[in-house]
Amino acid sequence: MKNSITKIMALMLALVVFAGVFVSVDYVGGHMHHECTGDHCEICIHIREAINYISNLKSLIVLPFVAAVVCLMTQAFKKAETVSLVKHTLISLKVELLN
């Protein structure tokens, strides 16, 4: 049950991101040749925001890769730390203590 909910949520998130990209590209393409009213043109502001949205999606692609590398490095350091902390004891060396 929990696994299917996670899959549905991931699919919904992917659809929202895809819809955002599609709408942004459509808006920029449709309003590229508008009659600009000057410095505070609302359409130009919206076009800049749409382009920024599309540009910021690059971080969505790079971020999981960086997170995976960090996780792998953390696991490697944990294994190295565990190996270096293991000390040889008389019991681990199977030394027989005779009096």
PDB file of N, CA and C in Angstrom:
ATOM      1  N   MET A   1       0.834  -1.197   0.000  1.00  0.00           N
ATOM      2  CA  MET A   1       0.000   0.000   0.000  1.00  0.00           C
ATOM      3  C   MET A   1       0.875   1.256   0.000  1.00  0.00           C
ATOM      4  N   LYS A   2       1.862   1.269   0.900  1.00  0.00           N
ATOM      5  CA  LYS A   2       2.730   2.447   1.006  1.00  0.00           C
ATOM      6  C   LYS A   2       3.548   2.636  -0.262  1.00  0.00           C
ATOM      7  N   ASN A   3       3.983   1.542  -0.865  1.00  0.00           N
ATOM      8  CA  ASN A   3       4.780   1.602  -2.074  1.00  0.00           C
ATOM      9  C   ASN A   3       3.977   2.180  -3.234  1.00  0.00           C
ATOM     10  N   SER A   4       2.712   1.819  -3.350  1.00  0.00           N
ATOM     11  CA  SER A   4       1.888   2.333  -4.446  1.00  0.00           C
ATOM     12  C   SER A   4       1.595   3.823  -4.256  1.00  0.00           C
ATOM     13  N   ILE A   5       1.420   4.254  -3.019  1.00  0.00           N
ATOM     14  CA  ILE A   5       1.197   5.676  -2.753  1.00  0.00           C
ATOM     15  C   ILE A   5       2.435   6.481  -3.128  1.00  0.00           C
ATOM     16  N   THR A   6       3.612   5.935  -2.823  1.00  0.00           N
ATOM     17  CA  THR A   6       4.856   6.607  -3.177  1.00  0.00           C
ATOM     18  C   THR A   6       4.998   6.727  -4.689  1.00  0.00           C
ATOM     19  N   LYS A   7       4.643   5.670  -5.404  1.00  0.00           N
ATOM     20  CA  LYS A   7       4.722   5.710  -6.866  1.00  0.00           C
ATOM     21  C   LYS A   7       3.745   6.727  -7.445  1.00  0.00           C
ATOM     22  N   ILE A   8       2.556   6.781  -6.892  1.00  0.00           N
ATOM     23  CA  ILE A   8       1.550   7.747  -7.365  1.00  0.00           C
ATOM     24  C   ILE A   8       2.018   9.171  -7.116  1.00  0.00           C
ATOM     25  N   MET A   9       2.593   9.417  -5.937  1.00  0.00           N
ATOM     26  CA  MET A   9       3.091  10.764  -5.614  1.00  0.00           C
ATOM     27  C   MET A   9       4.247  11.147  -6.539  1.00  0.00           C
ATOM     28  N   ALA A  10       5.138  10.208  -6.833  1.00  0.00           N
ATOM     29  CA  ALA A  10       6.256  10.486  -7.735  1.00  0.00           C
ATOM     30  C   ALA A  10       5.753  10.791  -9.135  1.00  0.00           C
ATOM     31  N   LEU A  11       4.748  10.053  -9.580  1.00  0.00           N
ATOM     32  CA  LEU A  11       4.166  10.303 -10.893  1.00  0.00           C
ATOM     33  C   LEU A  11       3.500  11.670 -10.946  1.00  0.00           C
ATOM     34  N   MET A  12       2.779  12.016  -9.894  1.00  0.00           N
ATOM     35  CA  MET A  12       2.124  13.336  -9.848  1.00  0.00           C
ATOM     36  C   MET A  12       3.156  14.459  -9.867  1.00  0.00           C
ATOM     37  N   LEU A  13       4.240  14.298  -9.124  1.00  0.00           N
ATOM     38  CA  LEU A  13       5.291  15.314  -9.107  1.00  0.00           C
ATOM     39  C   LEU A  13       5.929  15.454 -10.486  1.00  0.00           C
ATOM     40  N   ALA A  14       6.179  14.339 -11.149  1.00  0.00           N
ATOM     41  CA  ALA A  14       6.754  14.383 -12.493  1.00  0.00           C
ATOM     42  C   ALA A  14       5.805  15.074 -13.463  1.00  0.00           C
ATOM     43  N   LEU A  15       4.513  14.803 -13.344  1.00  0.00           N
ATOM     44  CA  LEU A  15       3.534  15.458 -14.218  1.00  0.00           C
ATOM     45  C   LEU A  15       3.467  16.956 -13.975  1.00  0.00           C
ATOM     46  N   VAL A  16       3.558  17.369 -12.720  1.00  0.00           N
ATOM     47  CA  VAL A  16       3.524  18.803 -12.404  1.00  0.00           C
ATOM     48  C   VAL A  16       4.752  19.502 -12.985  1.00  0.00           C
ATOM     49  N   VAL A  17       5.932  18.890 -12.826  1.00  0.00           N
ATOM     50  CA  VAL A  17       7.150  19.489 -13.375  1.00  0.00           C
ATOM     51  C   VAL A  17       7.071  19.551 -14.890  1.00  0.00           C
ATOM     52  N   PHE A  18       6.616  18.463 -15.524  1.00  0.00           N
ATOM     53  CA  PHE A  18       6.488  18.446 -16.985  1.00  0.00           C
ATOM     54  C   PHE A  18       5.480  19.491 -17.456  1.00  0.00           C
ATOM     55  N   ALA A  19       4.363  19.615 -16.761  1.00  0.00           N
ATOM     56  CA  ALA A  19       3.352  20.607 -17.132  1.00  0.00           C
ATOM     57  C   ALA A  19       3.915  22.024 -16.981  1.00  0.00           C
ATOM     58  N   GLY A  20       4.709  22.246 -15.923  1.00  0.00           N
ATOM     59  CA  GLY A  20       5.326  23.559 -15.729  1.00  0.00           C
ATOM     60  C   GLY A  20       6.270  23.911 -16.860  1.00  0.00           C
ATOM     61  N   VAL A  21       7.056  22.947 -17.288  1.00  0.00           N
ATOM     62  CA  VAL A  21       7.971  23.188 -18.412  1.00  0.00           C
ATOM     63  C   VAL A  21       7.176  23.451 -19.686  1.00  0.00           C
ATOM     64  N   PHE A  22       6.162  22.641 -19.938  1.00  0.00           N
ATOM     65  CA  PHE A  22       5.366  22.812 -21.146  1.00  0.00           C
ATOM     66  C   PHE A  22       4.684  24.183 -21.174  1.00  0.00           C
ATOM     67  N   VAL A  23       4.085  24.572 -20.059  1.00  0.00           N
ATOM     68  CA  VAL A  23       3.397  25.868 -20.001  1.00  0.00           C
ATOM     69  C   VAL A  23       4.393  27.015 -20.138  1.00  0.00           C
ATOM     70  N   SER A  24       5.563  26.893 -19.513  1.00  0.00           N
ATOM     71  CA  SER A  24       6.569  27.951 -19.607  1.00  0.00           C
ATOM     72  C   SER A  24       7.066  28.128 -21.032  1.00  0.00           C
ATOM     73  N   VAL A  25       7.361  27.017 -21.685  1.00  0.00           N
ATOM     74  CA  VAL A  25       7.833  27.094 -23.076  1.00  0.00           C
ATOM     75  C   VAL A  25       6.744  27.662 -23.978  1.00  0.00           C
ATOM     76  N   ASP A  26       5.522  27.242 -23.761  1.00  0.00           N
ATOM     77  CA  ASP A  26       4.396  27.751 -24.559  1.00  0.00           C
ATOM     78  C   ASP A  26       4.203  29.247 -24.340  1.00  0.00           C
ATOM     79  N   TYR A  27       4.318  29.698 -23.084  1.00  0.00           N
ATOM     80  CA  TYR A  27       4.133  31.126 -22.786  1.00  0.00           C
ATOM     81  C   TYR A  27       5.233  31.967 -23.426  1.00  0.00           C
ATOM     82  N   VAL A  28       6.472  31.494 -23.289  1.00  0.00           N
ATOM     83  CA  VAL A  28       7.593  32.252 -23.862  1.00  0.00           C
ATOM     84  C   VAL A  28       7.453  32.294 -25.382  1.00  0.00           C
ATOM     85  N   GLY A  29       7.123  31.170 -25.993  1.00  0.00           N
ATOM     86  CA  GLY A  29       6.968  31.131 -27.450  1.00  0.00           C
ATOM     87  C   GLY A  29       5.811  31.980 -27.944  1.00  0.00           C
ATOM     88  N   GLY A  30       4.739  32.009 -27.178  1.00  0.00           N
ATOM     89  CA  GLY A  30       3.562  32.759 -27.607  1.00  0.00           C
ATOM     90  C   GLY A  30       3.663  34.261 -27.403  1.00  0.00           C
ATOM     91  N   HIS A  31       4.466  34.700 -26.459  1.00  0.00           N
ATOM     92  CA  HIS A  31       4.545  36.128 -26.144  1.00  0.00           C
ATOM     93  C   HIS A  31       5.908  36.749 -26.473  1.00  0.00           C
ATOM     94  N   MET A  32       6.688  36.055 -27.301  1.00  0.00           N
ATOM     95  CA  MET A  32       8.024  36.566 -27.608  1.00  0.00           C
ATOM     96  C   MET A  32       7.956  37.891 -28.368  1.00  0.00           C
ATOM     97  N   HIS A  33       6.991  38.048 -29.253  1.00  0.00           N
ATOM     98  CA  HIS A  33       6.880  39.271 -30.053  1.00  0.00           C
ATOM     99  C   HIS A  33       5.646  40.060 -29.625  1.00  0.00           C
ATOM    100  N   HIS A  34       5.666  40.562 -28.409  1.00  0.00           N
ATOM    101  CA  HIS A  34       4.546  41.352 -27.904  1.00  0.00           C
ATOM    102  C   HIS A  34       4.910  42.834 -27.952  1.00  0.00           C
ATOM    103  N   GLU A  35       3.942  43.666 -27.743  1.00  0.00           N
ATOM    104  CA  GLU A  35       4.194  45.102 -27.711  1.00  0.00           C
ATOM    105  C   GLU A  35       4.611  45.472 -26.303  1.00  0.00           C
ATOM    106  N   CYS A  36       5.898  45.707 -26.126  1.00  0.00           N
ATOM    107  CA  CYS A  36       6.462  45.984 -24.806  1.00  0.00           C
ATOM    108  C   CYS A  36       6.104  47.409 -24.390  1.00  0.00           C
ATOM    109  N   THR A  37       5.693  47.552 -23.114  1.00  0.00           N
ATOM    110  CA  THR A  37       5.299  48.868 -22.614  1.00  0.00           C
ATOM    111  C   THR A  37       6.422  49.585 -21.885  1.00  0.00           C
ATOM    112  N   GLY A  38       7.581  48.998 -21.758  1.00  0.00           N
ATOM    113  CA  GLY A  38       8.700  49.673 -21.105  1.00  0.00           C
ATOM    114  C   GLY A  38       9.379  48.798 -20.063  1.00  0.00           C
ATOM    115  N   ASP A  39       9.954  49.491 -19.065  1.00  0.00           N
ATOM    116  CA  ASP A  39      10.748  48.796 -18.052  1.00  0.00           C
ATOM    117  C   ASP A  39       9.927  47.841 -17.197  1.00  0.00           C
ATOM    118  N   HIS A  40       8.709  48.219 -16.857  1.00  0.00           N
ATOM    119  CA  HIS A  40       7.881  47.408 -15.959  1.00  0.00           C
ATOM    120  C   HIS A  40       6.790  46.659 -16.729  1.00  0.00           C
ATOM    121  N   CYS A  41       7.149  46.119 -17.873  1.00  0.00           N
ATOM    122  CA  CYS A  41       6.198  45.377 -18.699  1.00  0.00           C
ATOM    123  C   CYS A  41       5.890  44.041 -18.018  1.00  0.00           C
ATOM    124  N   GLU A  42       4.617  43.807 -17.759  1.00  0.00           N
ATOM    125  CA  GLU A  42       4.198  42.574 -17.073  1.00  0.00           C
ATOM    126  C   GLU A  42       4.529  41.330 -17.880  1.00  0.00           C
ATOM    127  N   ILE A  43       4.369  41.420 -19.181  1.00  0.00           N
ATOM    128  CA  ILE A  43       4.636  40.261 -20.025  1.00  0.00           C
ATOM    129  C   ILE A  43       6.127  39.930 -20.008  1.00  0.00           C
ATOM    130  N   CYS A  44       6.984  40.940 -20.060  1.00  0.00           N
ATOM    131  CA  CYS A  44       8.434  40.701 -19.995  1.00  0.00           C
ATOM    132  C   CYS A  44       8.826  40.078 -18.661  1.00  0.00           C
ATOM    133  N   ILE A  45       8.198  40.512 -17.575  1.00  0.00           N
ATOM    134  CA  ILE A  45       8.468  39.943 -16.255  1.00  0.00           C
ATOM    135  C   ILE A  45       8.069  38.470 -16.234  1.00  0.00           C
ATOM    136  N   HIS A  46       6.913  38.152 -16.797  1.00  0.00           N
ATOM    137  CA  HIS A  46       6.457  36.760 -16.835  1.00  0.00           C
ATOM    138  C   HIS A  46       7.359  35.899 -17.725  1.00  0.00           C
ATOM    139  N   ILE A  47       7.827  36.475 -18.825  1.00  0.00           N
ATOM    140  CA  ILE A  47       8.739  35.736 -19.704  1.00  0.00           C
ATOM    141  C   ILE A  47      10.039  35.427 -18.969  1.00  0.00           C
ATOM    142  N   ARG A  48      10.578  36.416 -18.243  1.00  0.00           N
ATOM    143  CA  ARG A  48      11.806  36.177 -17.464  1.00  0.00           C
ATOM    144  C   ARG A  48      11.593  35.087 -16.415  1.00  0.00           C
ATOM    145  N   GLU A  49      10.446  35.128 -15.749  1.00  0.00           N
ATOM    146  CA  GLU A  49      10.155  34.105 -14.734  1.00  0.00           C
ATOM    147  C   GLU A  49      10.035  32.717 -15.365  1.00  0.00           C
ATOM    148  N   ALA A  50       9.421  32.633 -16.525  1.00  0.00           N
ATOM    149  CA  ALA A  50       9.286  31.340 -17.207  1.00  0.00           C
ATOM    150  C   ALA A  50      10.654  30.811 -17.632  1.00  0.00           C
ATOM    151  N   ILE A  51      11.503  31.686 -18.130  1.00  0.00           N
ATOM    152  CA  ILE A  51      12.855  31.266 -18.527  1.00  0.00           C
ATOM    153  C   ILE A  51      13.660  30.851 -17.295  1.00  0.00           C
ATOM    154  N   ASN A  52      13.510  31.573 -16.190  1.00  0.00           N
ATOM    155  CA  ASN A  52      14.200  31.198 -14.949  1.00  0.00           C
ATOM    156  C   ASN A  52      13.716  29.841 -14.449  1.00  0.00           C
ATOM    157  N   TYR A  53      12.432  29.565 -14.558  1.00  0.00           N
ATOM    158  CA  TYR A  53      11.891  28.272 -14.139  1.00  0.00           C
ATOM    159  C   TYR A  53      12.520  27.133 -14.939  1.00  0.00           C
ATOM    160  N   ILE A  54      12.593  27.319 -16.249  1.00  0.00           N
ATOM    161  CA  ILE A  54      13.181  26.294 -17.100  1.00  0.00           C
ATOM    162  C   ILE A  54      14.668  26.142 -16.782  1.00  0.00           C
ATOM    163  N   SER A  55      15.362  27.246 -16.566  1.00  0.00           N
ATOM    164  CA  SER A  55      16.798  27.194 -16.258  1.00  0.00           C
ATOM    165  C   SER A  55      17.054  26.535 -14.910  1.00  0.00           C
ATOM    166  N   ASN A  56      16.192  26.763 -13.935  1.00  0.00           N
ATOM    167  CA  ASN A  56      16.391  26.195 -12.603  1.00  0.00           C
ATOM    168  C   ASN A  56      16.132  24.697 -12.559  1.00  0.00           C
ATOM    169  N   LEU A  57      15.495  24.148 -13.565  1.00  0.00           N
ATOM    170  CA  LEU A  57      15.267  22.709 -13.595  1.00  0.00           C
ATOM    171  C   LEU A  57      16.559  21.927 -13.794  1.00  0.00           C
ATOM    172  N   LYS A  58      17.617  22.613 -14.200  1.00  0.00           N
ATOM    173  CA  LYS A  58      18.906  21.945 -14.319  1.00  0.00           C
ATOM    174  C   LYS A  58      19.347  21.396 -12.968  1.00  0.00           C
ATOM    175  N   SER A  59      18.998  22.109 -11.899  1.00  0.00           N
ATOM    176  CA  SER A  59      19.376  21.637 -10.567  1.00  0.00           C
ATOM    177  C   SER A  59      18.612  20.374 -10.186  1.00  0.00           C
ATOM    178  N   LEU A  60      17.411  20.180 -10.732  1.00  0.00           N
ATOM    179  CA  LEU A  60      16.672  18.946 -10.470  1.00  0.00           C
ATOM    180  C   LEU A  60      17.358  17.730 -11.075  1.00  0.00           C
ATOM    181  N   ILE A  61      18.113  17.949 -12.119  1.00  0.00           N
ATOM    182  CA  ILE A  61      18.825  16.847 -12.752  1.00  0.00           C
ATOM    183  C   ILE A  61      20.138  16.588 -12.020  1.00  0.00           C
ATOM    184  N   VAL A  62      20.824  17.634 -11.618  1.00  0.00           N
ATOM    185  CA  VAL A  62      22.134  17.504 -10.993  1.00  0.00           C
ATOM    186  C   VAL A  62      22.018  17.087  -9.527  1.00  0.00           C
ATOM    187  N   LEU A  63      21.010  17.564  -8.828  1.00  0.00           N
ATOM    188  CA  LEU A  63      20.890  17.322  -7.389  1.00  0.00           C
ATOM    189  C   LEU A  63      20.814  15.846  -7.016  1.00  0.00           C
ATOM    190  N   PRO A  64      20.019  15.002  -7.675  1.00  0.00           N
ATOM    191  CA  PRO A  64      20.031  13.579  -7.305  1.00  0.00           C
ATOM    192  C   PRO A  64      21.386  12.912  -7.535  1.00  0.00           C
ATOM    193  N   PHE A  65      22.090  13.320  -8.580  1.00  0.00           N
ATOM    194  CA  PHE A  65      23.411  12.766  -8.827  1.00  0.00           C
ATOM    195  C   PHE A  65      24.371  13.133  -7.704  1.00  0.00           C
ATOM    196  N   VAL A  66      24.355  14.376  -7.279  1.00  0.00           N
ATOM    197  CA  VAL A  66      25.223  14.813  -6.174  1.00  0.00           C
ATOM    198  C   VAL A  66      24.844  14.092  -4.886  1.00  0.00           C
ATOM    199  N   ALA A  67      23.557  13.939  -4.627  1.00  0.00           N
ATOM    200  CA  ALA A  67      23.114  13.231  -3.420  1.00  0.00           C
ATOM    201  C   ALA A  67      23.579  11.780  -3.442  1.00  0.00           C
ATOM    202  N   ALA A  68      23.527  11.135  -4.595  1.00  0.00           N
ATOM    203  CA  ALA A  68      23.981   9.748  -4.701  1.00  0.00           C
ATOM    204  C   ALA A  68      25.479   9.642  -4.439  1.00  0.00           C
ATOM    205  N   VAL A  69      26.247  10.581  -4.967  1.00  0.00           N
ATOM    206  CA  VAL A  69      27.692  10.567  -4.732  1.00  0.00           C
ATOM    207  C   VAL A  69      27.995  10.782  -3.257  1.00  0.00           C
ATOM    208  N   VAL A  70      27.285  11.700  -2.620  1.00  0.00           N
ATOM    209  CA  VAL A  70      27.494  11.941  -1.189  1.00  0.00           C
ATOM    210  C   VAL A  70      27.147  10.705  -0.372  1.00  0.00           C
ATOM    211  N   CYS A  71      26.060  10.027  -0.712  1.00  0.00           N
ATOM    212  CA  CYS A  71      25.682   8.805   0.006  1.00  0.00           C
ATOM    213  C   CYS A  71      26.730   7.714  -0.157  1.00  0.00           C
ATOM    214  N   LEU A  72      27.220   7.538  -1.377  1.00  0.00           N
ATOM    215  CA  LEU A  72      28.245   6.523  -1.614  1.00  0.00           C
ATOM    216  C   LEU A  72      29.540   6.841  -0.870  1.00  0.00           C
ATOM    217  N   MET A  73      29.916   8.116  -0.854  1.00  0.00           N
ATOM    218  CA  MET A  73      31.125   8.509  -0.128  1.00  0.00           C
ATOM    219  C   MET A  73      30.947   8.301   1.368  1.00  0.00           C
ATOM    220  N   THR A  74      29.768   8.596   1.898  1.00  0.00           N
ATOM    221  CA  THR A  74      29.493   8.393   3.318  1.00  0.00           C
ATOM    222  C   THR A  74      29.585   6.919   3.675  1.00  0.00           C
ATOM    223  N   GLN A  75      29.022   6.056   2.843  1.00  0.00           N
ATOM    224  CA  GLN A  75      29.103   4.621   3.101  1.00  0.00           C
ATOM    225  C   GLN A  75      30.542   4.132   3.031  1.00  0.00           C
ATOM    226  N   ALA A  76      31.313   4.650   2.091  1.00  0.00           N
ATOM    227  CA  ALA A  76      32.715   4.241   1.968  1.00  0.00           C
ATOM    228  C   ALA A  76      33.501   4.663   3.205  1.00  0.00           C
ATOM    229  N   PHE A  77      33.250   5.883   3.699  1.00  0.00           N
ATOM    230  CA  PHE A  77      33.957   6.347   4.893  1.00  0.00           C
ATOM    231  C   PHE A  77      33.551   5.553   6.125  1.00  0.00           C
ATOM    232  N   LYS A  78      32.271   5.184   6.202  1.00  0.00           N
ATOM    233  CA  LYS A  78      31.814   4.372   7.336  1.00  0.00           C
ATOM    234  C   LYS A  78      32.492   3.010   7.333  1.00  0.00           C
ATOM    235  N   LYS A  79      32.599   2.403   6.155  1.00  0.00           N
ATOM    236  CA  LYS A  79      33.263   1.099   6.069  1.00  0.00           C
ATOM    237  C   LYS A  79      34.739   1.227   6.434  1.00  0.00           C
ATOM    238  N   ALA A  80      35.386   2.270   5.941  1.00  0.00           N
ATOM    239  CA  ALA A  80      36.801   2.470   6.255  1.00  0.00           C
ATOM    240  C   ALA A  80      36.985   2.726   7.749  1.00  0.00           C
ATOM    241  N   GLU A  81      36.071   3.481   8.334  1.00  0.00           N
ATOM    242  CA  GLU A  81      36.153   3.778   9.760  1.00  0.00           C
ATOM    243  C   GLU A  81      35.943   2.508  10.583  1.00  0.00           C
ATOM    244  N   THR A  82      35.018   1.685  10.171  1.00  0.00           N
ATOM    245  CA  THR A  82      34.741   0.439  10.879  1.00  0.00           C
ATOM    246  C   THR A  82      35.942  -0.501  10.808  1.00  0.00           C
ATOM    247  N   VAL A  83      36.557  -0.572   9.658  1.00  0.00           N
ATOM    248  CA  VAL A  83      37.720  -1.441   9.490  1.00  0.00           C
ATOM    249  C   VAL A  83      38.884  -0.940  10.329  1.00  0.00           C
ATOM    250  N   SER A  84      39.090   0.363  10.378  1.00  0.00           N
ATOM    251  CA  SER A  84      40.224   0.896  11.122  1.00  0.00           C
ATOM    252  C   SER A  84      40.002   0.829  12.631  1.00  0.00           C
ATOM    253  N   LEU A  85      38.767   0.772  13.088  1.00  0.00           N
ATOM    254  CA  LEU A  85      38.497   0.717  14.516  1.00  0.00           C
ATOM    255  C   LEU A  85      38.583  -0.697  15.082  1.00  0.00           C
ATOM    256  N   VAL A  86      38.587  -1.694  14.207  1.00  0.00           N
ATOM    257  CA  VAL A  86      38.672  -3.072  14.677  1.00  0.00           C
ATOM    258  C   VAL A  86      40.098  -3.316  15.136  1.00  0.00           C
ATOM    259  N   LYS A  87      40.231  -3.667  16.417  1.00  0.00           N
ATOM    260  CA  LYS A  87      41.560  -3.920  16.968  1.00  0.00           C
ATOM    261  C   LYS A  87      41.699  -5.401  17.234  1.00  0.00           C
ATOM    262  N   HIS A  88      42.883  -5.857  17.070  1.00  0.00           N
ATOM    263  CA  HIS A  88      43.145  -7.257  17.328  1.00  0.00           C
ATOM    264  C   HIS A  88      43.270  -7.463  18.828  1.00  0.00           C
ATOM    265  N   THR A  89      42.495  -8.379  19.331  1.00  0.00           N
ATOM    266  CA  THR A  89      42.573  -8.723  20.746  1.00  0.00           C
ATOM    267  C   THR A  89      43.134 -10.120  20.868  1.00  0.00           C
ATOM    268  N   LEU A  90      43.451 -10.486  22.067  1.00  0.00           N
ATOM    269  CA  LEU A  90      43.972 -11.828  22.278  1.00  0.00           C
ATOM    270  C   LEU A  90      42.942 -12.883  21.891  1.00  0.00           C
ATOM    271  N   ILE A  91      41.688 -12.573  22.121  1.00  0.00           N
ATOM    272  CA  ILE A  91      40.636 -13.522  21.773  1.00  0.00           C
ATOM    273  C   ILE A  91      40.493 -13.621  20.257  1.00  0.00           C
ATOM    274  N   SER A  92      40.532 -12.480  19.559  1.00  0.00           N
ATOM    275  CA  SER A  92      40.395 -12.526  18.102  1.00  0.00           C
ATOM    276  C   SER A  92      41.602 -13.200  17.458  1.00  0.00           C
ATOM    277  N   LEU A  93      42.764 -13.104  18.096  1.00  0.00           N
ATOM    278  CA  LEU A  93      43.953 -13.773  17.584  1.00  0.00           C
ATOM    279  C   LEU A  93      44.033 -15.239  18.053  1.00  0.00           C
ATOM    280  N   LYS A  94      43.083 -15.626  18.884  1.00  0.00           N
ATOM    281  CA  LYS A  94      42.988 -16.985  19.437  1.00  0.00           C
ATOM    282  C   LYS A  94      44.271 -17.384  20.174  1.00  0.00           C
ATOM    283  N   VAL A  95      44.710 -16.489  21.023  1.00  0.00           N
ATOM    284  CA  VAL A  95      45.894 -16.756  21.836  1.00  0.00           C
ATOM    285  C   VAL A  95      45.447 -17.536  23.069  1.00  0.00           C
ATOM    286  N   GLU A  96      46.149 -18.591  23.355  1.00  0.00           N
ATOM    287  CA  GLU A  96      45.835 -19.392  24.518  1.00  0.00           C
ATOM    288  C   GLU A  96      46.657 -18.880  25.694  1.00  0.00           C
ATOM    289  N   LEU A  97      45.938 -18.463  26.712  1.00  0.00           N
ATOM    290  CA  LEU A  97      46.606 -17.920  27.901  1.00  0.00           C
ATOM    291  C   LEU A  97      46.902 -19.044  28.877  1.00  0.00           C
ATOM    292  N   LEU A  98      48.183 -19.283  29.126  1.00  0.00           N
ATOM    293  CA  LEU A  98      48.596 -20.321  30.055  1.00  0.00           C
ATOM    294  C   LEU A  98      49.272 -19.658  31.261  1.00  0.00           C
ATOM    295  N   ASN A  99      48.977 -20.160  32.437  1.00  0.00           N
ATOM    296  CA  ASN A  99      49.636 -19.629  33.645  1.00  0.00           C
ATOM    297  C   ASN A  99      50.822 -20.470  34.018  1.00  0.00           C
TER     298      ASN A  99
END
